[in-house]
Amino acid sequence: MPGAWTLLGVPYLTFLTFFPVAGGLLVLTVPRARERLARIVAFVIALAELGASLPLFVRFQPGAGMQLQERVAWIPSIGASYHLGVDGVSVLLVLLTTLLSALSVLASFSAVTDRPRAYYALLLLLETAMVGTFVSLDMVVFYIFWEAMLVPMYFLIGVWGGEHRIRAAIKFFLYTMAGSVLMLVAILWTYFLYHSVNGIYSFDLLDWYRLPIPLGVQTWLFLAFAIAFAIKVPMFPFHTWLPLAHTEAPTAGSVILAGVLLKMGTYGFLRFALPLFPNAAEMWLPLLLGLSVAGIIYGALVAWVQPDIKKLVAYSSVSHLGFVMLGMLAMNDEGLSGSLLQMVNHGISTGALFLLVGVLYERRHTRLISDFGGLWKVMPGFAVVFLVILLSSVALPGTNGFVGEFLILLGAFKSQRPFAILAATGVVLSAVYMLTMFQRVMFGPVTHPENDALPDLRSREWAVFVPLLILVFWIGVYPQPFLSRVQPALRQTAELVRERALLCRLADAQEAVSKAGATR
């Protein structure tokens, strides 16, 4: 594939990355008296970005390695370049980002009435930061986009969130910033290590993939990267910021947080931590697997006892992301394919669940399970959509969730059987807490008079859910178009991990021989 697609005369990935923030600036120019126009402009921008991203799915060439690379010397004196590119690891995550961003803007039309221009501008700025993170191949550029995500999400939670929004925003910011500082130290350490080995300075990730790193150094660098990414996933026990942030965030904030931002952590493990530091990752593998399984079971058990629907969905994310990590750490074709596909599936199903909770909250201004009951009679269309998405979340065969979890468990059983057996209990627990919640909300008599006249889904809300429902069944029935785009890149990643592990072992052996010779 040629490396130079353009769109309106702009290099393709650059356009895809910066078009939303340019649109956000346009939204800010809309007069305050025309708030409806601001919503429409924001949605048109987000929809255009989604349309612009679709060629990634249609024209992407699986197995062709890193594609659409754009490289420009940025700060040559320190070896930093503006380097973008996509492969099968990142292409579906970019598409997930543009889809959920467009649906989040549309879903916010009636939910956000206070300062809508600033709200939509921040959503579009956040989209730029997310897309930029997935396509960056220079560590300076990656880190800038990674940090840039914090600012719009902080304000989305802190300004448009719930009663405890300030505490949630600060906790989210501090947790993520703490991990980011560790990662920055590791980036600088690796940067100077590369210079000491090769005599040149480079922040280019593809250059770093060829760098032999001694095990002793790998251990510290891996821990720094792993903690940063574990906080973002979030893995147990680094998850404590998540439920509060989800509960207090506006609906669109929760959708983006669960659907995309959490994937930054799993993507970080797959793109950076595992390939760069494979020997250290192997040494810490039992702990990582244990934490993944603990997260699966803990998240499910805590979700089971939640009285608030939104908190229940938030804790379910801890459980589902544990499955993603389990499949990734299996490091075989099935586990890796299931892990990446489940990142997308989780964005679809959990994003849709947060949107459904948002619909309920707009109508009743409560999220307590005990405040509902009998909604199937009152809102049948809503109930059907809720049921389909819920079954996707619990991995019913025929839905997208089943394909991802089946591949993950298959891969885990091949390489980490005891952990896979423990993780399988999470599938059962997921069905228990989800179906229990659904039964209490949807069935039985209408016990609260306020629920008697709740309106069913409106046309705009159907427009939000229909694309997600299509994806639930498309991936569930015919996942091959998605798997075929990611599997070659995942095999290349697994091979890179193995090659680098051998390279680093040889470097350690040579260093040991040199030291032994020097002492004689």
Protein backbone atom coordinates (compact mmCIF):
# COMPACT_ATOMS: atom_id res chain seq x y z
CA MET A 1 0.00 0.00 0.00
CA PRO A 2 1.41 3.42 -0.82
CA GLY A 3 2.33 5.42 2.22
CA ALA A 4 0.77 8.65 1.02
CA TRP A 5 -3.00 8.82 1.05
CA THR A 6 -4.25 12.38 1.13
CA LEU A 7 -7.60 13.89 1.99
CA LEU A 8 -8.36 17.43 0.82
CA GLY A 9 -4.66 17.78 0.09
CA VAL A 10 -3.63 16.84 3.64
CA PRO A 11 -1.77 13.58 4.48
CA TYR A 12 -4.44 11.08 5.49
CA LEU A 13 -3.46 10.28 9.08
CA THR A 14 -2.71 13.92 9.81
CA PHE A 15 -6.18 14.85 8.54
CA LEU A 16 -7.77 12.06 10.56
CA THR A 17 -5.94 13.17 13.70
CA PHE A 18 -6.43 16.93 13.60
CA PHE A 19 -9.75 17.37 11.79
CA PRO A 20 -11.80 16.97 15.01
CA VAL A 21 -9.89 19.66 16.91
CA ALA A 22 -10.23 22.01 13.92
CA GLY A 23 -13.96 21.26 14.04
CA GLY A 24 -13.98 21.96 17.76
CA LEU A 25 -12.57 25.42 17.12
CA LEU A 26 -15.33 25.94 14.54
CA VAL A 27 -17.95 24.97 17.15
CA LEU A 28 -16.58 27.65 19.49
CA THR A 29 -17.21 30.31 16.82
CA VAL A 30 -20.97 29.59 16.80
CA PRO A 31 -22.85 32.46 18.49
CA ARG A 32 -24.02 31.71 22.03
CA ALA A 33 -27.60 32.43 21.05
CA ARG A 34 -27.55 29.55 18.55
CA GLU A 35 -26.84 26.55 20.74
CA ARG A 36 -28.79 24.18 18.48
CA LEU A 37 -26.47 25.11 15.63
CA ALA A 38 -23.46 24.27 17.80
CA ARG A 39 -24.84 20.76 18.34
CA ILE A 40 -25.46 20.27 14.63
CA VAL A 41 -22.01 21.54 13.65
CA ALA A 42 -20.35 19.25 16.21
CA PHE A 43 -22.27 16.22 14.95
CA VAL A 44 -21.49 17.00 11.31
CA ILE A 45 -17.79 17.26 12.20
CA ALA A 46 -17.85 13.97 14.14
CA LEU A 47 -19.83 12.25 11.37
CA ALA A 48 -17.40 13.53 8.73
CA GLU A 49 -14.50 12.19 10.82
CA LEU A 50 -16.24 8.80 11.00
CA GLY A 51 -16.73 8.83 7.23
CA ALA A 52 -13.11 9.81 6.68
CA SER A 53 -11.93 6.87 8.82
CA LEU A 54 -13.91 4.19 6.92
CA PRO A 55 -11.26 3.76 4.16
CA LEU A 56 -9.05 2.32 6.90
CA PHE A 57 -11.42 -0.65 7.05
CA VAL A 58 -12.07 -0.94 3.32
CA ARG A 59 -8.61 -0.33 1.87
CA PHE A 60 -6.37 -1.55 4.67
CA GLN A 61 -4.03 -4.35 3.54
CA PRO A 62 -3.66 -7.02 6.26
CA GLY A 63 -0.15 -8.33 6.68
CA ALA A 64 1.53 -5.38 4.95
CA GLY A 65 3.10 -4.16 8.19
CA MET A 66 3.00 -0.54 9.26
CA GLN A 67 1.06 1.41 6.65
CA LEU A 68 0.29 5.02 5.72
CA GLN A 69 3.44 6.19 7.48
CA GLU A 70 4.03 9.93 7.67
CA ARG A 71 7.44 11.00 8.91
CA VAL A 72 8.75 14.55 9.17
CA ALA A 73 11.79 15.71 11.15
CA TRP A 74 10.33 17.68 14.04
CA ILE A 75 13.13 18.36 16.54
CA PRO A 76 16.16 16.79 14.82
CA SER A 77 18.56 17.88 17.54
CA ILE A 78 16.97 15.42 19.99
CA GLY A 79 15.89 12.79 17.47
CA ALA A 80 12.15 13.53 17.70
CA SER A 81 10.07 13.24 14.54
CA TYR A 82 6.43 13.59 13.59
CA HIS A 83 5.92 9.91 12.78
CA LEU A 84 2.47 8.39 12.30
CA GLY A 85 1.35 5.01 10.99
CA VAL A 86 -1.25 2.26 11.41
CA ASP A 87 -1.24 -1.52 11.37
CA GLY A 88 -3.74 -4.19 12.34
CA VAL A 89 -3.17 -3.50 16.02
CA SER A 90 -4.38 0.10 15.76
CA VAL A 91 -6.73 0.25 12.77
CA LEU A 92 -9.86 -1.14 14.49
CA LEU A 93 -9.25 1.01 17.57
CA VAL A 94 -9.14 4.15 15.41
CA LEU A 95 -12.45 3.13 13.81
CA LEU A 96 -13.96 2.42 17.24
CA THR A 97 -12.87 5.90 18.37
CA THR A 98 -14.48 7.72 15.46
CA LEU A 99 -17.71 5.70 15.76
CA LEU A 100 -18.19 6.20 19.50
CA SER A 101 -17.26 9.88 19.25
CA ALA A 102 -19.94 10.52 16.63
CA LEU A 103 -22.57 8.59 18.60
CA SER A 104 -21.59 10.37 21.82
CA VAL A 105 -22.12 13.77 20.21
CA LEU A 106 -25.53 12.70 18.89
CA ALA A 107 -26.55 11.20 22.24
CA SER A 108 -25.72 14.47 24.03
CA PHE A 109 -28.21 16.63 22.12
CA SER A 110 -30.83 16.59 24.88
CA ALA A 111 -28.57 15.67 27.79
CA VAL A 112 -26.31 18.73 27.71
CA THR A 113 -27.93 22.16 27.84
CA ASP A 114 -25.32 24.06 29.85
CA ARG A 115 -22.45 25.57 27.81
CA PRO A 116 -22.89 23.22 24.85
CA ARG A 117 -20.25 24.94 22.69
CA ALA A 118 -17.48 24.23 25.19
CA TYR A 119 -18.79 20.71 25.79
CA TYR A 120 -18.73 19.70 22.13
CA ALA A 121 -15.40 21.42 21.53
CA LEU A 122 -13.90 19.35 24.37
CA LEU A 123 -15.39 16.14 22.97
CA LEU A 124 -13.79 16.85 19.60
CA LEU A 125 -10.46 17.77 21.19
CA LEU A 126 -10.60 14.46 23.06
CA GLU A 127 -11.19 12.64 19.78
CA THR A 128 -8.04 14.18 18.31
CA ALA A 129 -6.01 13.08 21.32
CA MET A 130 -7.36 9.53 21.14
CA VAL A 131 -6.78 9.08 17.42
CA GLY A 132 -3.31 10.62 17.77
CA THR A 133 -2.41 8.16 20.52
CA PHE A 134 -3.32 5.16 18.35
CA VAL A 135 -1.36 6.32 15.29
CA SER A 136 1.80 7.78 16.90
CA LEU A 137 5.08 5.98 16.26
CA ASP A 138 7.36 8.55 17.86
CA MET A 139 7.47 8.37 21.64
CA VAL A 140 7.42 12.15 22.13
CA VAL A 141 4.37 12.52 19.88
CA PHE A 142 2.72 9.54 21.59
CA TYR A 143 3.33 10.99 25.04
CA ILE A 144 1.93 14.39 24.03
CA PHE A 145 -1.30 12.83 22.77
CA TRP A 146 -1.45 10.50 25.79
CA GLU A 147 -1.28 13.47 28.16
CA ALA A 148 -3.58 15.60 26.00
CA MET A 149 -6.43 13.16 26.70
CA LEU A 150 -6.39 14.13 30.35
CA VAL A 151 -7.38 17.76 29.85
CA PRO A 152 -10.72 17.45 27.99
CA MET A 153 -11.81 14.44 30.05
CA TYR A 154 -10.97 16.28 33.27
CA PHE A 155 -13.24 19.16 32.28
CA LEU A 156 -15.99 16.93 30.88
CA ILE A 157 -16.23 15.19 34.25
CA GLY A 158 -15.54 18.24 36.40
CA VAL A 159 -17.99 20.63 34.69
CA TRP A 160 -20.78 18.43 33.30
CA GLY A 161 -20.59 15.53 35.78
CA GLY A 162 -22.73 14.58 38.75
CA GLU A 163 -22.83 15.67 42.36
CA HIS A 164 -19.28 14.48 43.19
CA ARG A 165 -17.82 15.51 39.84
CA ILE A 166 -14.89 17.54 41.22
CA ARG A 167 -13.61 14.69 43.37
CA ALA A 168 -14.04 12.25 40.45
CA ALA A 169 -12.21 14.54 38.02
CA ILE A 170 -9.29 15.13 40.39
CA LYS A 171 -8.98 11.43 41.22
CA PHE A 172 -9.02 10.51 37.54
CA PHE A 173 -6.40 13.16 36.74
CA LEU A 174 -4.05 12.30 39.61
CA TYR A 175 -4.15 8.54 39.04
CA THR A 176 -3.45 8.85 35.33
CA MET A 177 -0.82 11.54 35.82
CA ALA A 178 1.03 9.40 38.35
CA GLY A 179 1.30 6.59 35.82
CA SER A 180 2.27 9.02 33.06
CA VAL A 181 5.20 10.37 35.08
CA LEU A 182 6.55 6.84 35.53
CA MET A 183 6.19 6.22 31.81
CA LEU A 184 7.98 9.50 30.99
CA VAL A 185 10.95 8.48 33.13
CA ALA A 186 11.06 5.11 31.34
CA ILE A 187 10.86 6.79 27.92
CA LEU A 188 13.81 9.05 28.74
CA TRP A 189 15.81 6.14 30.18
CA THR A 190 15.25 4.08 27.01
CA TYR A 191 16.09 7.11 24.87
CA PHE A 192 19.51 7.55 26.48
CA LEU A 193 20.08 3.79 26.44
CA TYR A 194 19.47 3.79 22.68
CA HIS A 195 22.05 6.55 22.28
CA SER A 196 24.62 4.68 24.36
CA VAL A 197 24.23 1.60 22.12
CA ASN A 198 23.86 3.21 18.69
CA GLY A 199 25.51 6.58 19.08
CA ILE A 200 22.48 8.50 17.85
CA TYR A 201 19.41 9.90 19.55
CA SER A 202 16.00 8.61 18.51
CA PHE A 203 12.50 8.55 19.94
CA ASP A 204 11.24 6.39 17.06
CA LEU A 205 9.41 3.28 18.27
CA LEU A 206 10.49 1.23 15.24
CA ASP A 207 14.12 2.04 16.08
CA TRP A 208 13.57 1.01 19.69
CA TYR A 209 12.24 -2.36 18.52
CA ARG A 210 15.83 -3.16 17.42
CA LEU A 211 17.43 -2.16 20.72
CA PRO A 212 18.84 -4.96 22.96
CA ILE A 213 18.07 -4.15 26.59
CA PRO A 214 19.68 -6.02 29.51
CA LEU A 215 17.26 -7.86 31.78
CA GLY A 216 18.17 -5.80 34.84
CA VAL A 217 17.30 -2.58 33.01
CA GLN A 218 14.25 -4.15 31.35
CA THR A 219 12.75 -4.96 34.72
CA TRP A 220 12.60 -1.33 35.84
CA LEU A 221 11.52 -0.02 32.45
CA PHE A 222 8.79 -2.65 32.13
CA LEU A 223 7.44 -1.90 35.59
CA ALA A 224 7.25 1.82 34.81
CA PHE A 225 5.38 1.27 31.55
CA ALA A 226 3.23 -1.53 33.01
CA ILE A 227 2.04 0.54 35.99
CA ALA A 228 1.13 3.43 33.69
CA PHE A 229 -0.87 1.15 31.42
CA ALA A 230 -2.35 -0.88 34.32
CA ILE A 231 -3.79 2.32 35.79
CA LYS A 232 -5.39 3.18 32.45
CA VAL A 233 -6.84 -0.33 31.81
CA PRO A 234 -7.52 -0.36 34.85
CA MET A 235 -6.17 -3.61 36.25
CA PHE A 236 -6.90 -4.71 39.79
CA PRO A 237 -5.83 -3.14 42.21
CA PHE A 238 -5.28 0.08 40.21
CA HIS A 239 -8.98 0.35 39.38
CA THR A 240 -10.27 2.47 42.25
CA TRP A 241 -10.49 5.69 40.22
CA LEU A 242 -12.77 4.11 37.61
CA PRO A 243 -16.17 3.59 39.31
CA LEU A 244 -16.29 7.16 40.64
CA ALA A 245 -15.22 8.64 37.28
CA HIS A 246 -17.81 6.58 35.41
CA THR A 247 -20.59 7.34 37.85
CA GLU A 248 -20.00 11.09 37.91
CA ALA A 249 -19.15 11.61 34.22
CA PRO A 250 -21.84 12.74 31.77
CA THR A 251 -23.14 9.96 29.55
CA ALA A 252 -20.84 10.78 26.63
CA GLY A 253 -17.88 10.95 29.01
CA SER A 254 -18.67 7.47 30.34
CA VAL A 255 -19.04 6.11 26.80
CA ILE A 256 -15.67 7.50 25.70
CA LEU A 257 -14.01 6.54 28.96
CA ALA A 258 -15.15 2.90 28.77
CA GLY A 259 -15.18 2.55 25.00
CA VAL A 260 -11.83 4.11 24.13
CA LEU A 261 -9.75 5.49 26.99
CA LEU A 262 -9.50 2.19 28.85
CA LYS A 263 -8.22 0.61 25.60
CA MET A 264 -5.25 2.97 25.75
CA GLY A 265 -3.93 0.81 28.57
CA THR A 266 -4.39 -2.54 26.81
CA TYR A 267 -3.07 -1.04 23.56
CA GLY A 268 -0.04 0.26 25.48
CA PHE A 269 0.79 -3.22 26.74
CA LEU A 270 0.48 -4.68 23.24
CA ARG A 271 2.34 -1.92 21.38
CA PHE A 272 5.01 -0.90 23.91
CA ALA A 273 5.45 -2.85 27.15
CA LEU A 274 5.46 -6.43 25.82
CA PRO A 275 7.52 -5.95 22.61
CA LEU A 276 10.08 -3.57 24.13
CA PHE A 277 10.68 -5.51 27.37
CA PRO A 278 9.78 -9.16 26.61
CA ASN A 279 12.12 -10.81 29.12
CA ALA A 280 10.89 -8.69 32.00
CA ALA A 281 7.30 -9.30 30.88
CA GLU A 282 7.95 -13.05 30.97
CA MET A 283 9.39 -12.74 34.49
CA TRP A 284 6.33 -10.81 35.74
CA LEU A 285 3.85 -12.93 33.75
CA PRO A 286 2.45 -14.93 36.71
CA LEU A 287 1.70 -11.75 38.63
CA LEU A 288 0.05 -10.11 35.61
CA LEU A 289 -2.06 -13.20 34.97
CA GLY A 290 -3.05 -13.35 38.64
CA LEU A 291 -4.08 -9.70 38.65
CA SER A 292 -6.07 -10.20 35.43
CA VAL A 293 -8.02 -13.11 36.88
CA ALA A 294 -8.48 -11.26 40.19
CA GLY A 295 -9.92 -8.33 38.25
CA ILE A 296 -12.31 -10.62 36.35
CA ILE A 297 -13.72 -12.18 39.52
CA TYR A 298 -13.56 -9.11 41.76
CA GLY A 299 -15.19 -6.84 39.17
CA ALA A 300 -18.02 -9.32 38.66
CA LEU A 301 -18.67 -9.85 42.38
CA VAL A 302 -18.69 -6.13 43.17
CA ALA A 303 -20.92 -5.41 40.16
CA TRP A 304 -23.38 -8.01 41.47
CA VAL A 305 -24.11 -6.04 44.65
CA GLN A 306 -24.33 -2.54 43.15
CA PRO A 307 -27.63 -0.69 43.69
CA ASP A 308 -26.79 1.83 40.92
CA ILE A 309 -27.03 0.63 37.30
CA LYS A 310 -24.20 2.88 36.14
CA LYS A 311 -21.88 1.65 38.89
CA LEU A 312 -22.76 -1.92 37.99
CA VAL A 313 -21.73 -1.28 34.37
CA ALA A 314 -18.57 0.48 35.58
CA TYR A 315 -17.43 -2.49 37.66
CA SER A 316 -18.29 -4.82 34.79
CA SER A 317 -15.58 -2.99 32.81
CA VAL A 318 -12.98 -4.06 35.37
CA SER A 319 -14.07 -7.66 34.79
CA HIS A 320 -14.19 -7.43 30.99
CA LEU A 321 -10.81 -5.74 30.70
CA GLY A 322 -9.37 -8.54 32.83
CA PHE A 323 -10.39 -10.90 30.02
CA VAL A 324 -8.66 -8.65 27.48
CA MET A 325 -5.41 -8.80 29.48
CA LEU A 326 -5.72 -12.58 29.93
CA GLY A 327 -5.97 -13.17 26.18
CA MET A 328 -3.11 -10.80 25.45
CA LEU A 329 -0.81 -12.46 27.97
CA ALA A 330 -1.50 -15.88 26.42
CA MET A 331 0.63 -14.63 23.48
CA ASN A 332 -0.80 -17.06 20.94
CA ASP A 333 -2.93 -16.48 17.84
CA GLU A 334 -6.25 -17.22 19.53
CA GLY A 335 -5.57 -15.23 22.69
CA LEU A 336 -4.20 -12.18 20.91
CA SER A 337 -7.01 -12.16 18.32
CA GLY A 338 -9.64 -12.50 21.02
CA SER A 339 -7.98 -9.82 23.12
CA LEU A 340 -7.94 -7.19 20.38
CA LEU A 341 -11.42 -8.09 19.15
CA GLN A 342 -12.70 -7.91 22.72
CA MET A 343 -11.30 -4.39 23.06
CA VAL A 344 -13.63 -3.44 20.20
CA ASN A 345 -16.50 -5.55 21.54
CA HIS A 346 -16.23 -3.98 24.98
CA GLY A 347 -16.34 -0.52 23.43
CA ILE A 348 -19.52 -1.45 21.56
CA SER A 349 -21.42 -3.27 24.31
CA THR A 350 -20.34 -1.26 27.37
CA GLY A 351 -20.57 2.00 25.44
CA ALA A 352 -24.13 1.05 24.51
CA LEU A 353 -24.94 0.14 28.12
CA PHE A 354 -23.83 3.57 29.31
CA LEU A 355 -25.92 5.17 26.58
CA LEU A 356 -28.94 3.14 27.73
CA VAL A 357 -28.37 4.17 31.34
CA GLY A 358 -28.17 7.76 30.09
CA VAL A 359 -31.58 7.41 28.41
CA LEU A 360 -33.08 6.21 31.70
CA TYR A 361 -31.43 8.99 33.69
CA GLU A 362 -32.69 11.69 31.30
CA ARG A 363 -36.24 10.47 31.84
CA ARG A 364 -36.19 9.69 35.58
CA HIS A 365 -33.11 11.44 37.02
CA THR A 366 -32.23 8.33 38.98
CA ARG A 367 -30.06 5.30 38.29
CA LEU A 368 -31.06 3.18 41.29
CA ILE A 369 -32.27 -0.28 40.31
CA SER A 370 -34.92 -0.13 43.05
CA ASP A 371 -36.53 2.91 41.38
CA PHE A 372 -37.54 0.89 38.35
CA GLY A 373 -39.50 -2.24 37.54
CA GLY A 374 -41.92 -3.24 34.80
CA LEU A 375 -40.28 -1.04 32.15
CA TRP A 376 -40.82 -3.67 29.46
CA LYS A 377 -44.51 -2.74 29.46
CA VAL A 378 -43.80 0.99 29.36
CA MET A 379 -40.75 1.15 27.03
CA PRO A 380 -40.76 -2.03 24.91
CA GLY A 381 -38.37 -0.72 22.27
CA PHE A 382 -35.89 0.38 24.91
CA ALA A 383 -36.23 -2.99 26.67
CA VAL A 384 -35.47 -4.95 23.48
CA VAL A 385 -32.33 -2.88 22.78
CA PHE A 386 -31.26 -3.24 26.41
CA LEU A 387 -31.73 -7.03 26.22
CA VAL A 388 -29.67 -7.40 23.04
CA ILE A 389 -26.81 -5.28 24.39
CA LEU A 390 -26.93 -7.08 27.73
CA LEU A 391 -26.71 -10.48 26.01
CA SER A 392 -23.76 -9.17 24.02
CA SER A 393 -22.09 -8.14 27.28
CA VAL A 394 -22.58 -11.62 28.79
CA ALA A 395 -21.19 -13.24 25.61
CA LEU A 396 -24.27 -15.03 24.28
CA PRO A 397 -23.42 -17.06 21.12
CA GLY A 398 -24.39 -15.08 18.06
CA THR A 399 -23.27 -11.78 19.56
CA ASN A 400 -19.91 -10.05 19.34
CA GLY A 401 -19.02 -10.70 22.97
CA PHE A 402 -19.08 -14.47 22.48
CA VAL A 403 -16.48 -14.42 19.70
CA GLY A 404 -14.02 -12.38 21.74
CA GLU A 405 -14.39 -14.28 25.00
CA PHE A 406 -14.34 -17.67 23.28
CA LEU A 407 -11.05 -16.87 21.52
CA ILE A 408 -9.57 -15.49 24.75
CA LEU A 409 -10.47 -18.58 26.76
CA LEU A 410 -9.31 -20.86 23.94
CA GLY A 411 -5.94 -19.12 23.84
CA ALA A 412 -5.64 -19.06 27.62
CA PHE A 413 -6.48 -22.77 27.91
CA LYS A 414 -3.67 -23.55 25.45
CA SER A 415 -0.97 -21.71 27.42
CA GLN A 416 -2.25 -20.82 30.92
CA ARG A 417 -4.85 -23.46 31.81
CA PRO A 418 -5.19 -22.85 35.59
CA PHE A 419 -5.77 -19.13 35.03
CA ALA A 420 -8.22 -19.86 32.20
CA ILE A 421 -10.29 -22.15 34.44
CA LEU A 422 -10.52 -19.47 37.12
CA ALA A 423 -11.34 -16.80 34.55
CA ALA A 424 -14.19 -18.89 33.13
CA THR A 425 -16.10 -18.35 36.38
CA GLY A 426 -16.28 -14.69 35.38
CA VAL A 427 -18.47 -15.63 32.41
CA VAL A 428 -21.01 -17.18 34.77
CA LEU A 429 -20.86 -14.29 37.22
CA SER A 430 -21.34 -11.81 34.38
CA ALA A 431 -24.59 -13.52 33.38
CA VAL A 432 -25.74 -13.54 37.02
CA TYR A 433 -25.33 -9.84 37.77
CA MET A 434 -26.50 -8.61 34.36
CA LEU A 435 -29.60 -10.78 34.17
CA THR A 436 -30.48 -10.05 37.81
CA MET A 437 -30.32 -6.32 37.12
CA PHE A 438 -32.37 -6.70 33.92
CA GLN A 439 -35.05 -8.72 35.67
CA ARG A 440 -35.44 -6.13 38.43
CA VAL A 441 -35.55 -3.17 36.03
CA MET A 442 -37.65 -4.59 33.21
CA PHE A 443 -40.03 -7.23 34.59
CA GLY A 444 -42.73 -7.36 37.21
CA PRO A 445 -45.35 -4.71 37.97
CA VAL A 446 -44.70 -0.99 37.56
CA THR A 447 -44.16 -0.21 41.23
CA HIS A 448 -43.44 3.52 40.88
CA PRO A 449 -46.09 5.80 39.36
CA GLU A 450 -43.35 7.98 37.84
CA ASN A 451 -42.53 5.13 35.46
CA ASP A 452 -46.04 4.74 34.06
CA ALA A 453 -45.69 7.35 31.32
CA LEU A 454 -42.01 7.16 30.39
CA PRO A 455 -41.57 7.70 26.63
CA ASP A 456 -39.98 4.95 24.58
CA LEU A 457 -36.90 5.49 22.40
CA ARG A 458 -37.13 8.52 20.13
CA SER A 459 -35.89 8.59 16.52
CA ARG A 460 -32.58 10.27 17.47
CA GLU A 461 -31.97 7.62 20.11
CA TRP A 462 -32.71 4.86 17.62
CA ALA A 463 -30.13 6.47 15.34
CA VAL A 464 -27.60 6.08 18.15
CA PHE A 465 -28.35 2.43 18.92
CA VAL A 466 -28.96 0.93 15.46
CA PRO A 467 -25.28 1.10 14.34
CA LEU A 468 -24.24 -0.58 17.60
CA LEU A 469 -26.86 -3.31 17.20
CA ILE A 470 -25.67 -3.98 13.65
CA LEU A 471 -22.10 -4.40 14.89
CA VAL A 472 -23.23 -6.70 17.72
CA PHE A 473 -24.68 -9.18 15.23
CA TRP A 474 -22.19 -8.60 12.40
CA ILE A 475 -19.18 -9.43 14.59
CA GLY A 476 -21.13 -12.16 16.38
CA VAL A 477 -22.22 -13.98 13.20
CA TYR A 478 -19.41 -13.13 10.75
CA PRO A 479 -16.28 -11.89 12.56
CA GLN A 480 -13.86 -12.79 9.75
CA PRO A 481 -13.67 -9.29 8.16
CA PHE A 482 -12.50 -7.96 11.53
CA LEU A 483 -10.22 -10.85 12.48
CA SER A 484 -8.56 -10.93 9.05
CA ARG A 485 -7.47 -7.32 9.49
CA VAL A 486 -5.85 -7.84 12.87
CA GLN A 487 -4.45 -11.38 12.89
CA PRO A 488 -1.41 -10.80 10.61
CA ALA A 489 -0.29 -7.80 12.67
CA LEU A 490 -0.81 -9.73 15.90
CA ARG A 491 1.30 -12.62 14.59
CA GLN A 492 4.00 -10.10 13.69
CA THR A 493 3.78 -8.64 17.19
CA ALA A 494 4.11 -12.08 18.79
CA GLU A 495 7.09 -12.85 16.55
CA LEU A 496 8.64 -9.49 17.45
CA VAL A 497 8.29 -10.34 21.14
CA ARG A 498 10.03 -13.69 20.60
CA GLU A 499 12.81 -12.18 18.48
CA ARG A 500 13.46 -9.40 20.95
CA ALA A 501 13.49 -11.83 23.87
CA LEU A 502 16.22 -13.83 22.09
CA LEU A 503 18.12 -10.67 21.12
CA CYS A 504 18.13 -9.42 24.71
CA ARG A 505 19.22 -12.83 26.04
CA LEU A 506 22.14 -12.89 23.59
CA ALA A 507 23.11 -9.35 24.65
CA ASP A 508 23.05 -10.43 28.31
CA ALA A 509 25.15 -13.51 27.50
CA GLN A 510 27.72 -11.45 25.59
CA GLU A 511 27.93 -8.97 28.44
CA ALA A 512 28.46 -11.81 30.93
CA VAL A 513 31.24 -13.28 28.76
CA SER A 514 32.90 -9.87 28.48
CA LYS A 515 32.79 -9.37 32.23
CA ALA A 516 34.17 -12.86 32.84
CA GLY A 517 37.02 -12.19 30.42
CA ALA A 518 37.80 -8.86 32.08
CA THR A 519 38.12 -10.46 35.52
CA ARG A 520 40.66 -13.09 34.41
